[in-house]
N, C-alpha and C. Protein backbone atom coordinates (compact mmCIF):
# COMPACT_ATOMS: atom_id res chain seq x y z
N MET A 1 30.59 59.73 53.25
CA MET A 1 30.46 60.70 52.28
C MET A 1 31.35 61.47 51.82
N PHE A 2 32.33 62.10 52.76
CA PHE A 2 33.47 62.23 51.55
C PHE A 2 34.25 61.63 51.55
N ARG A 3 34.89 60.41 51.65
CA ARG A 3 35.41 59.30 50.34
C ARG A 3 34.34 59.36 49.16
N SER A 4 33.14 59.17 49.14
CA SER A 4 32.46 59.08 47.80
C SER A 4 32.85 59.90 46.73
N LYS A 5 32.64 61.30 48.07
CA LYS A 5 32.86 62.50 46.83
C LYS A 5 34.11 62.54 46.42
N LEU A 6 35.45 62.17 47.02
CA LEU A 6 36.34 62.37 46.31
C LEU A 6 36.75 61.04 45.42
N LEU A 7 35.96 60.50 45.56
CA LEU A 7 35.95 58.91 44.28
C LEU A 7 35.27 59.49 43.05
N LEU A 8 34.04 60.47 43.17
CA LEU A 8 33.69 60.87 41.73
C LEU A 8 34.36 62.03 41.55
N ARG A 9 35.52 62.65 42.25
CA ARG A 9 36.34 63.19 41.55
C ARG A 9 37.69 63.04 41.29
N GLY A 10 37.65 61.44 41.16
CA GLY A 10 38.88 60.86 40.21
C GLY A 10 39.95 60.34 41.48
N ALA A 11 39.64 60.26 42.56
CA ALA A 11 40.19 59.68 43.74
C ALA A 11 40.53 57.98 44.01
N LYS A 12 40.06 57.62 42.59
CA LYS A 12 40.01 56.23 42.83
C LYS A 12 41.45 55.15 42.32
N SER A 13 42.90 55.72 42.19
CA SER A 13 43.81 55.41 42.84
C SER A 13 44.50 56.29 42.85
N ILE A 14 46.21 55.74 43.37
CA ILE A 14 46.59 56.62 44.18
C ILE A 14 47.35 57.88 43.33
N LEU A 15 46.88 58.15 41.93
CA LEU A 15 47.49 59.07 41.79
C LEU A 15 46.10 60.04 41.74
N GLY A 16 45.10 59.76 41.77
CA GLY A 16 44.07 60.66 41.67
C GLY A 16 44.21 60.88 43.09
N ILE A 17 44.46 60.07 44.03
CA ILE A 17 44.24 60.80 45.73
C ILE A 17 45.23 61.94 45.65
N GLY A 18 46.42 61.32 45.31
CA GLY A 18 47.78 62.62 45.26
C GLY A 18 47.04 63.67 44.92
N ARG A 19 46.38 63.43 43.62
CA ARG A 19 46.05 64.71 42.91
C ARG A 19 45.12 65.85 43.69
N ILE A 20 44.04 65.27 44.15
CA ILE A 20 43.15 65.48 45.41
C ILE A 20 43.87 66.14 46.22
N PHE A 21 44.57 65.31 47.04
CA PHE A 21 45.69 65.89 48.28
C PHE A 21 46.79 67.52 48.08
N ARG A 22 47.00 67.39 46.70
CA ARG A 22 48.17 68.61 46.03
C ARG A 22 47.08 69.80 46.03
N ILE A 23 45.48 69.71 45.46
CA ILE A 23 44.64 70.79 45.04
C ILE A 23 44.42 70.90 46.40
N MET A 24 44.14 70.35 47.39
CA MET A 24 43.90 71.06 48.85
C MET A 24 44.78 71.55 49.31
N ASP A 25 46.29 71.50 48.83
CA ASP A 25 47.19 71.40 49.91
C ASP A 25 47.74 73.35 49.36
N ASP A 26 46.93 74.59 49.76
CA ASP A 26 47.22 75.49 49.17
C ASP A 26 48.62 76.17 49.59
N ASP A 27 49.07 75.72 50.58
CA ASP A 27 50.57 76.17 50.96
C ASP A 27 51.81 75.36 50.54
N ARG A 28 51.51 74.50 49.72
CA ARG A 28 52.34 73.39 49.18
C ARG A 28 53.69 73.28 50.71
N SER A 29 52.72 72.73 51.55
CA SER A 29 53.60 72.37 52.77
C SER A 29 53.79 71.06 52.52
N GLY A 30 53.00 70.08 51.80
CA GLY A 30 53.10 68.87 52.22
C GLY A 30 51.45 68.04 53.28
N SER A 31 51.37 69.15 54.07
CA SER A 31 50.20 68.78 54.70
C SER A 31 48.92 69.50 54.23
N LEU A 32 47.93 69.16 55.27
CA LEU A 32 47.12 69.70 54.90
C LEU A 32 46.51 70.28 56.80
N ASN A 33 46.63 72.05 56.77
CA ASN A 33 46.10 72.47 58.00
C ASN A 33 44.43 72.29 57.62
N PHE A 34 44.19 72.62 59.39
CA PHE A 34 42.25 72.80 59.24
C PHE A 34 41.30 73.12 58.03
N ASN A 35 42.45 74.71 57.40
CA ASN A 35 41.57 75.31 56.97
C ASN A 35 41.57 75.35 55.51
N GLU A 36 43.18 74.66 54.89
CA GLU A 36 43.16 74.02 53.72
C GLU A 36 41.95 72.73 53.71
N PHE A 37 41.70 71.81 54.89
CA PHE A 37 41.23 70.34 54.65
C PHE A 37 39.22 71.39 54.42
N GLN A 38 39.67 72.07 55.70
CA GLN A 38 37.78 72.56 55.12
C GLN A 38 37.25 73.06 54.36
N LYS A 39 38.76 73.52 53.28
CA LYS A 39 38.11 74.69 52.09
C LYS A 39 37.96 73.33 51.44
N GLY A 40 38.70 72.19 51.20
CA GLY A 40 38.74 70.72 50.49
C GLY A 40 37.53 70.54 50.37
N VAL A 41 36.89 70.14 51.45
CA VAL A 41 35.25 69.64 52.26
C VAL A 41 34.41 70.32 51.01
N LYS A 42 34.43 71.64 51.39
CA LYS A 42 33.52 72.04 50.86
C LYS A 42 33.63 72.21 49.10
N GLU A 43 34.79 72.16 48.78
CA GLU A 43 34.78 72.03 47.76
C GLU A 43 34.78 70.88 46.64
N SER A 44 34.24 69.99 47.55
CA SER A 44 34.01 68.56 47.34
C SER A 44 32.43 68.21 47.33
N LYS A 45 31.76 69.90 47.18
CA LYS A 45 30.11 69.54 47.83
C LYS A 45 29.85 68.72 48.66
N CYS A 46 30.52 68.10 49.50
CA CYS A 46 30.05 67.93 50.66
C CYS A 46 29.46 68.89 51.86
N ASP A 47 28.19 68.88 52.15
CA ASP A 47 27.51 69.96 53.24
C ASP A 47 27.30 69.33 54.02
N MET A 48 28.90 69.72 55.00
CA MET A 48 28.58 69.38 56.09
C MET A 48 28.76 70.71 57.34
N PRO A 49 28.34 70.26 58.46
CA PRO A 49 28.29 71.41 59.56
C PRO A 49 29.83 71.24 60.32
N ILE A 50 30.10 72.04 61.10
CA ILE A 50 31.78 72.66 60.82
C ILE A 50 32.15 71.88 62.11
N ASP A 51 31.04 71.55 62.93
CA ASP A 51 31.55 70.29 63.87
C ASP A 51 32.29 68.83 63.03
N ASP A 52 31.69 68.28 62.45
CA ASP A 52 30.94 67.18 61.55
C ASP A 52 32.69 67.33 60.76
N VAL A 53 33.35 68.71 60.30
CA VAL A 53 34.35 68.38 59.33
C VAL A 53 35.70 68.94 60.19
N ARG A 54 35.29 69.00 61.58
CA ARG A 54 36.34 69.18 62.92
C ARG A 54 36.27 67.30 63.01
N GLY A 55 35.33 66.77 63.11
CA GLY A 55 35.51 65.51 63.60
C GLY A 55 36.29 64.58 62.50
N LEU A 56 35.76 65.05 61.31
CA LEU A 56 36.53 64.40 60.45
C LEU A 56 38.31 64.87 60.18
N PHE A 57 37.94 65.93 60.58
CA PHE A 57 39.63 66.01 60.42
C PHE A 57 40.53 65.66 61.32
N ALA A 58 39.63 65.04 62.30
CA ALA A 58 40.44 64.72 63.72
C ALA A 58 40.62 62.90 63.33
N ALA A 59 39.77 62.60 62.33
CA ALA A 59 39.71 61.10 62.18
C ALA A 59 41.18 60.87 60.91
N PHE A 60 41.39 62.05 60.05
CA PHE A 60 42.21 61.75 59.20
C PHE A 60 43.75 62.07 60.22
N ASP A 61 43.79 62.91 61.21
CA ASP A 61 44.61 63.07 61.60
C ASP A 61 45.53 62.27 62.52
N VAL A 62 45.81 60.41 62.27
CA VAL A 62 46.11 59.74 63.31
C VAL A 62 47.06 60.23 63.87
N ASN A 63 47.71 60.75 63.61
CA ASN A 63 49.30 60.62 64.63
C ASN A 63 49.17 62.14 65.26
N ARG A 64 47.66 63.03 65.29
CA ARG A 64 47.40 63.73 66.25
C ARG A 64 48.07 65.15 66.08
N ASP A 65 48.99 65.53 64.68
CA ASP A 65 50.10 66.28 65.29
C ASP A 65 48.91 67.86 64.34
N GLY A 66 47.98 67.98 64.30
CA GLY A 66 46.98 69.37 63.78
C GLY A 66 47.25 69.27 62.72
N SER A 67 47.56 68.31 61.27
CA SER A 67 47.54 68.44 60.48
C SER A 67 47.66 66.88 60.05
N ILE A 68 46.97 66.82 58.81
CA ILE A 68 46.96 65.51 57.89
C ILE A 68 48.18 65.48 56.89
N GLN A 69 48.81 64.63 57.06
CA GLN A 69 49.78 64.30 56.13
C GLN A 69 49.43 63.04 54.95
N TYR A 70 50.09 63.29 53.63
CA TYR A 70 49.52 62.73 52.96
C TYR A 70 49.61 61.37 53.01
N ASP A 71 50.28 60.17 53.60
CA ASP A 71 49.82 59.46 54.07
C ASP A 71 48.67 58.56 54.87
N GLU A 72 48.37 59.79 55.92
CA GLU A 72 47.21 59.67 56.39
C GLU A 72 45.97 59.86 55.84
N PHE A 73 46.43 60.58 54.80
CA PHE A 73 44.98 61.04 53.67
C PHE A 73 44.93 59.70 53.03
N LEU A 74 46.02 59.47 52.33
CA LEU A 74 46.27 58.13 51.80
C LEU A 74 45.37 56.78 52.04
N ARG A 75 45.56 57.06 53.91
CA ARG A 75 45.04 55.75 54.17
C ARG A 75 43.69 55.63 54.23
N MET A 76 42.84 56.80 54.53
CA MET A 76 41.32 56.95 55.10
C MET A 76 40.80 57.09 53.99
N VAL A 77 41.01 57.59 52.93
CA VAL A 77 40.47 57.25 51.40
C VAL A 77 40.67 56.52 50.66
N ARG A 78 41.64 55.87 50.47
CA ARG A 78 42.34 55.01 50.57
C ARG A 78 41.21 52.94 50.69
N GLY A 79 41.30 53.17 52.23
CA GLY A 79 40.67 52.27 52.55
C GLY A 79 41.78 51.13 53.52
N ASP A 80 41.51 49.67 53.91
CA ASP A 80 41.54 49.09 54.11
C ASP A 80 41.52 48.05 52.93
N LEU A 81 42.38 47.08 53.28
CA LEU A 81 42.30 45.71 52.27
C LEU A 81 41.30 45.08 52.76
N ASN A 82 40.60 44.54 51.55
CA ASN A 82 39.07 43.40 51.76
C ASN A 82 39.77 42.22 52.71
N PRO A 83 38.74 41.38 52.87
CA PRO A 83 39.37 40.18 53.13
C PRO A 83 39.83 39.64 52.59
N ALA A 84 39.67 39.57 50.73
CA ALA A 84 40.10 38.69 50.51
C ALA A 84 41.38 38.73 49.95
N ARG A 85 41.64 40.21 49.88
CA ARG A 85 42.93 40.81 49.38
C ARG A 85 43.98 40.50 50.36
N GLN A 86 43.22 41.06 51.76
CA GLN A 86 44.30 40.71 52.80
C GLN A 86 44.89 39.43 52.88
N SER A 87 44.38 38.41 52.79
CA SER A 87 44.46 37.21 52.94
C SER A 87 45.07 36.75 51.55
N LEU A 88 45.20 37.12 50.74
CA LEU A 88 46.19 37.07 49.16
C LEU A 88 47.49 37.34 49.72
N VAL A 89 47.43 38.64 50.20
CA VAL A 89 48.76 39.22 50.87
C VAL A 89 49.54 38.42 51.92
N ASN A 90 48.54 38.19 53.05
CA ASN A 90 49.02 37.41 53.95
C ASN A 90 49.61 35.61 53.73
N GLN A 91 48.83 35.65 52.52
CA GLN A 91 49.76 34.03 51.94
C GLN A 91 51.12 34.28 51.11
N ALA A 92 51.41 35.56 50.47
CA ALA A 92 52.55 36.05 49.79
C ALA A 92 53.47 36.50 50.88
N PHE A 93 53.22 37.17 51.75
CA PHE A 93 53.88 37.42 52.87
C PHE A 93 54.52 36.08 53.83
N ALA A 94 53.62 34.96 53.93
CA ALA A 94 53.82 33.67 54.79
C ALA A 94 54.88 32.90 53.83
N SER A 95 55.01 32.99 52.05
CA SER A 95 55.55 31.86 51.18
C SER A 95 56.97 32.65 51.68
N LEU A 96 57.15 33.89 51.41
CA LEU A 96 58.08 34.81 51.14
C LEU A 96 59.04 34.35 52.97
N ASP A 97 58.41 34.24 53.65
CA ASP A 97 59.00 34.81 55.25
C ASP A 97 59.43 33.23 55.11
N LYS A 98 60.91 32.63 54.93
CA LYS A 98 61.26 31.52 54.38
C LYS A 98 61.60 30.85 56.56
N ASP A 99 61.80 31.92 57.29
CA ASP A 99 63.04 31.72 58.20
C ASP A 99 61.21 31.81 59.37
N GLY A 100 60.08 32.21 58.76
CA GLY A 100 58.99 31.83 60.17
C GLY A 100 59.60 33.02 61.06
N ASN A 101 60.49 34.16 60.55
CA ASN A 101 60.65 35.31 62.21
C ASN A 101 59.62 36.06 61.88
N GLY A 102 58.80 36.28 61.28
CA GLY A 102 57.56 36.99 60.79
C GLY A 102 57.97 38.51 60.45
N VAL A 103 59.58 38.72 60.15
CA VAL A 103 60.20 39.97 59.31
C VAL A 103 60.65 39.04 57.78
N LEU A 104 60.61 40.04 56.86
CA LEU A 104 61.32 39.83 55.29
C LEU A 104 62.40 40.43 55.65
N ASP A 105 63.64 39.93 55.19
CA ASP A 105 64.80 40.48 54.63
C ASP A 105 65.54 39.78 53.80
N TYR A 106 66.61 40.33 53.52
CA TYR A 106 67.21 39.63 52.49
C TYR A 106 67.24 38.45 52.19
N THR A 107 68.18 37.69 53.49
CA THR A 107 67.96 36.16 52.88
C THR A 107 66.73 35.72 52.81
N ASP A 108 65.72 36.07 53.10
CA ASP A 108 64.18 35.38 52.84
C ASP A 108 63.87 35.79 51.80
N VAL A 109 64.61 36.40 50.91
CA VAL A 109 63.82 36.50 49.66
C VAL A 109 64.92 36.60 48.73
N MET A 110 65.93 36.32 49.15
CA MET A 110 67.30 36.02 47.67
C MET A 110 67.12 34.60 46.87
N GLY A 111 66.42 33.73 47.22
CA GLY A 111 66.02 32.50 46.49
C GLY A 111 64.91 33.15 45.58
N THR A 112 63.99 33.98 45.57
CA THR A 112 63.19 33.84 45.18
C THR A 112 62.81 35.07 44.27
N TYR A 113 63.37 36.62 44.68
CA TYR A 113 63.57 37.48 43.69
C TYR A 113 64.80 37.18 43.12
N LYS A 114 65.49 36.85 41.49
CA LYS A 114 66.33 36.72 40.89
C LYS A 114 67.06 38.10 40.58
N CYS A 115 67.94 38.33 40.72
CA CYS A 115 68.36 39.49 40.29
C CYS A 115 69.65 39.05 39.43
N ASP A 116 70.50 38.17 39.08
CA ASP A 116 71.78 37.87 38.93
C ASP A 116 71.35 38.69 37.04
N LYS A 117 70.57 39.08 36.44
CA LYS A 117 70.28 39.18 35.39
C LYS A 117 69.63 40.99 35.43
N HIS A 118 69.76 41.55 36.64
CA HIS A 118 69.89 42.90 36.86
C HIS A 118 70.44 43.77 35.93
N PRO A 119 69.95 44.38 34.77
CA PRO A 119 71.74 45.60 34.80
C PRO A 119 72.88 45.66 35.27
N ALA A 120 72.25 46.51 36.72
CA ALA A 120 73.32 47.33 37.43
C ALA A 120 74.19 45.97 37.82
N VAL A 121 73.78 44.31 38.05
CA VAL A 121 74.35 43.64 38.53
C VAL A 121 74.99 43.12 37.31
N ILE A 122 74.38 42.92 36.36
CA ILE A 122 75.22 42.16 35.23
C ILE A 122 77.26 43.46 35.02
N ASP A 123 76.35 45.04 35.16
CA ASP A 123 77.88 46.11 34.75
C ASP A 123 78.59 45.66 36.02
N GLY A 124 78.14 45.62 37.03
CA GLY A 124 79.33 45.08 38.06
C GLY A 124 78.99 47.01 38.93
N ARG A 125 77.97 47.30 38.56
CA ARG A 125 77.89 48.67 39.66
C ARG A 125 76.76 48.44 40.71
N LYS A 126 76.46 47.27 41.19
CA LYS A 126 75.77 46.43 41.88
C LYS A 126 75.68 45.52 42.37
N THR A 127 76.15 44.73 43.57
CA THR A 127 75.79 43.17 43.76
C THR A 127 74.23 43.09 43.76
N GLU A 128 73.84 41.64 44.00
CA GLU A 128 72.96 41.27 44.29
C GLU A 128 72.11 41.32 45.31
N ARG A 129 73.18 41.50 46.17
CA ARG A 129 72.05 42.20 47.66
C ARG A 129 71.96 43.31 47.92
N GLN A 130 73.02 44.19 46.98
CA GLN A 130 72.11 45.56 46.89
C GLN A 130 71.01 45.85 46.26
N VAL A 131 70.17 45.07 45.20
CA VAL A 131 69.78 45.15 43.83
C VAL A 131 68.14 44.57 45.26
N LEU A 132 68.61 43.44 45.84
CA LEU A 132 67.69 42.94 46.86
C LEU A 132 67.19 43.45 48.04
N GLU A 133 68.37 44.25 48.02
CA GLU A 133 67.92 45.38 49.63
C GLU A 133 66.48 46.50 48.84
N GLU A 134 67.47 46.91 47.60
CA GLU A 134 66.43 48.01 46.93
C GLU A 134 65.03 48.07 46.82
N PHE A 135 64.96 46.16 46.27
CA PHE A 135 63.52 45.91 46.19
C PHE A 135 62.92 45.76 47.21
N LEU A 136 63.43 45.27 48.73
CA LEU A 136 62.44 45.20 49.79
C LEU A 136 62.45 46.50 50.10
N SER A 137 63.30 47.56 49.93
CA SER A 137 63.02 48.81 50.12
C SER A 137 61.72 49.53 49.79
N THR A 138 60.88 48.80 48.72
CA THR A 138 59.66 49.50 48.05
C THR A 138 58.55 49.08 48.94
N PHE A 139 58.77 47.96 49.78
CA PHE A 139 57.68 48.02 50.61
C PHE A 139 57.94 48.87 52.09
N GLU A 140 58.67 49.62 52.01
CA GLU A 140 58.86 50.55 53.02
C GLU A 140 58.70 51.94 53.08
N MET A 141 58.33 51.79 51.65
CA MET A 141 58.25 53.66 50.89
C MET A 141 57.88 54.46 51.89
N HIS A 142 56.48 53.93 52.32
CA HIS A 142 55.30 54.77 52.89
C HIS A 142 55.85 55.14 54.17
N LYS A 143 57.49 54.61 54.68
CA LYS A 143 57.34 55.19 56.11
C LYS A 143 58.14 56.42 55.85
N SER A 144 57.79 56.90 56.72
CA SER A 144 58.71 58.62 56.76
C SER A 144 60.03 58.49 57.37
N GLN A 145 60.29 57.60 58.19
CA GLN A 145 62.15 57.44 58.07
C GLN A 145 62.74 56.53 57.33
N ASN A 146 64.22 56.33 57.20
CA ASN A 146 64.33 55.18 56.53
C ASN A 146 64.56 54.16 56.60
N PRO A 147 64.54 53.12 55.87
CA PRO A 147 64.09 51.92 55.48
C PRO A 147 65.13 51.35 56.10
N ASP A 148 64.49 49.90 56.56
CA ASP A 148 65.68 49.76 57.75
C ASP A 148 65.88 48.07 57.15
N GLY A 149 65.00 47.71 55.89
CA GLY A 149 65.38 46.21 54.79
C GLY A 149 65.16 45.07 55.93
N LYS A 150 64.18 45.47 56.81
CA LYS A 150 63.74 44.85 57.19
C LYS A 150 61.65 44.84 57.09
N VAL A 151 61.02 44.11 56.70
CA VAL A 151 59.56 44.12 56.32
C VAL A 151 59.16 43.39 56.91
N THR A 152 57.72 44.11 57.77
CA THR A 152 57.22 43.52 58.45
C THR A 152 55.54 43.46 57.95
N PRO A 153 54.72 42.33 58.36
CA PRO A 153 53.78 41.93 57.80
C PRO A 153 52.62 43.20 57.60
N GLU A 154 52.88 44.69 58.65
CA GLU A 154 51.97 45.57 58.24
C GLU A 154 52.71 46.33 56.98
N GLU A 155 54.10 46.10 56.87
CA GLU A 155 54.15 47.19 55.92
C GLU A 155 53.98 46.78 54.30
N PHE A 156 54.26 45.29 54.65
CA PHE A 156 54.25 44.30 53.41
C PHE A 156 51.85 44.48 52.90
N SER A 157 51.49 44.46 53.83
CA SER A 157 49.95 45.12 53.59
C SER A 157 49.52 46.54 53.31
N GLU A 158 50.47 47.49 53.87
CA GLU A 158 50.21 48.74 53.06
C GLU A 158 50.92 49.03 51.96
N TYR A 159 51.75 48.54 51.66
CA TYR A 159 51.87 48.07 50.36
C TYR A 159 50.99 47.74 49.27
N TYR A 160 50.70 46.81 49.25
CA TYR A 160 49.92 46.11 48.86
C TYR A 160 48.44 46.89 48.76
N ALA A 161 48.26 47.46 49.65
CA ALA A 161 47.04 48.19 49.74
C ALA A 161 46.71 49.30 49.05
N ASN A 162 48.04 50.33 48.53
CA ASN A 162 48.48 51.16 47.69
C ASN A 162 48.15 50.24 46.37
N VAL A 163 48.96 49.43 46.27
CA VAL A 163 48.14 48.89 44.86
C VAL A 163 47.08 48.55 44.95
N SER A 164 46.23 48.18 45.67
CA SER A 164 45.04 47.94 46.10
C SER A 164 44.10 48.41 45.35
N ALA A 165 44.79 49.62 45.33
CA ALA A 165 43.82 51.19 45.40
C ALA A 165 43.33 51.55 43.87
N SER A 166 44.43 50.81 42.98
CA SER A 166 44.49 50.85 41.58
C SER A 166 44.10 49.71 40.50
N ILE A 167 43.04 48.68 41.70
CA ILE A 167 43.18 47.58 40.64
C ILE A 167 41.31 47.55 41.46
N ASP A 168 40.63 47.81 40.56
CA ASP A 168 38.98 47.52 40.92
C ASP A 168 38.92 46.16 40.60
N ASP A 169 39.61 45.34 40.01
CA ASP A 169 38.74 44.08 39.78
C ASP A 169 39.00 42.86 40.22
N GLU A 170 38.97 42.29 41.36
CA GLU A 170 39.24 41.23 42.13
C GLU A 170 39.69 40.14 41.60
N SER A 171 39.44 39.27 40.32
CA SER A 171 40.25 38.52 39.90
C SER A 171 41.63 38.88 39.27
N TYR A 172 41.10 40.55 38.79
CA TYR A 172 42.87 41.01 38.54
C TYR A 172 44.11 41.37 39.33
N PHE A 173 43.51 41.97 40.95
CA PHE A 173 44.44 41.65 42.10
C PHE A 173 44.53 39.99 42.18
N ALA A 174 43.70 39.22 42.26
CA ALA A 174 44.08 37.83 42.58
C ALA A 174 45.20 37.62 41.66
N GLN A 175 45.43 37.25 40.45
CA GLN A 175 45.99 37.46 39.39
C GLN A 175 47.62 37.67 39.89
N MET A 176 47.14 39.34 40.03
CA MET A 176 49.00 39.73 40.34
C MET A 176 49.34 38.78 41.26
N MET A 177 48.88 38.85 42.13
CA MET A 177 49.32 38.58 43.21
C MET A 177 50.16 37.04 43.02
N ASN A 178 49.10 36.12 42.37
CA ASN A 178 49.75 34.45 42.41
C ASN A 178 51.10 34.32 41.60
N SER A 179 50.46 35.23 40.21
CA SER A 179 51.62 35.24 39.14
C SER A 179 53.26 35.56 39.71
N SER A 180 52.90 36.97 40.66
CA SER A 180 54.43 37.54 41.47
C SER A 180 54.43 36.76 42.38
N TRP A 181 53.60 35.89 43.73
CA TRP A 181 54.34 35.28 44.53
C TRP A 181 54.45 33.83 43.96
N ASN A 182 53.86 33.75 43.12
CA ASN A 182 54.01 32.11 42.86
C ASN A 182 53.18 31.40 44.06
N LEU A 183 51.88 31.85 44.58
CA LEU A 183 50.78 31.37 45.41
C LEU A 183 50.06 30.03 44.86
N ASN A 184 49.58 30.01 43.73
CA ASN A 184 49.45 28.43 43.46
C ASN A 184 50.07 27.34 43.29
N GLY A 185 51.00 27.35 43.65
CA GLY A 185 52.06 26.32 43.69
C GLY A 185 53.50 26.37 43.29
């Protein structure tokens, strides 16, 4: 019920979810305490008993630290990839994982992601390897710690779940994945 109310308030994309989170975050701490969350539920016109709000808060507080971080909020509002989208993401990961070790790194993507025409490489400010490592780090941006340059299937899926939240059309998501990762051959 809470998710559907947030969707009605504009939480259909990552930007919309972020806007709602910032509205709820009264003290601008970057996380929601129970009181902020309870107020946000009430402002979302969800008529819930306090015990249900506590249960919902506990469900959002995945790491059980007593507050809801943005990434926890995002995951719960956004939801998971549907099976068709997850299948495309899995195919893309498998096609990139050249050595089959279950982790994407520089050597896996160097033949797929061309960066010799990147302005920083042309200007001599960065090497192709540096640009590729920056590219890989985009799949780890949701991590609170520093990226390690090794992208797991879970990190890859998390990245595409965030992208997916902004794409309503199934065929458009499939087209984007197919053209980005050459899944059709």
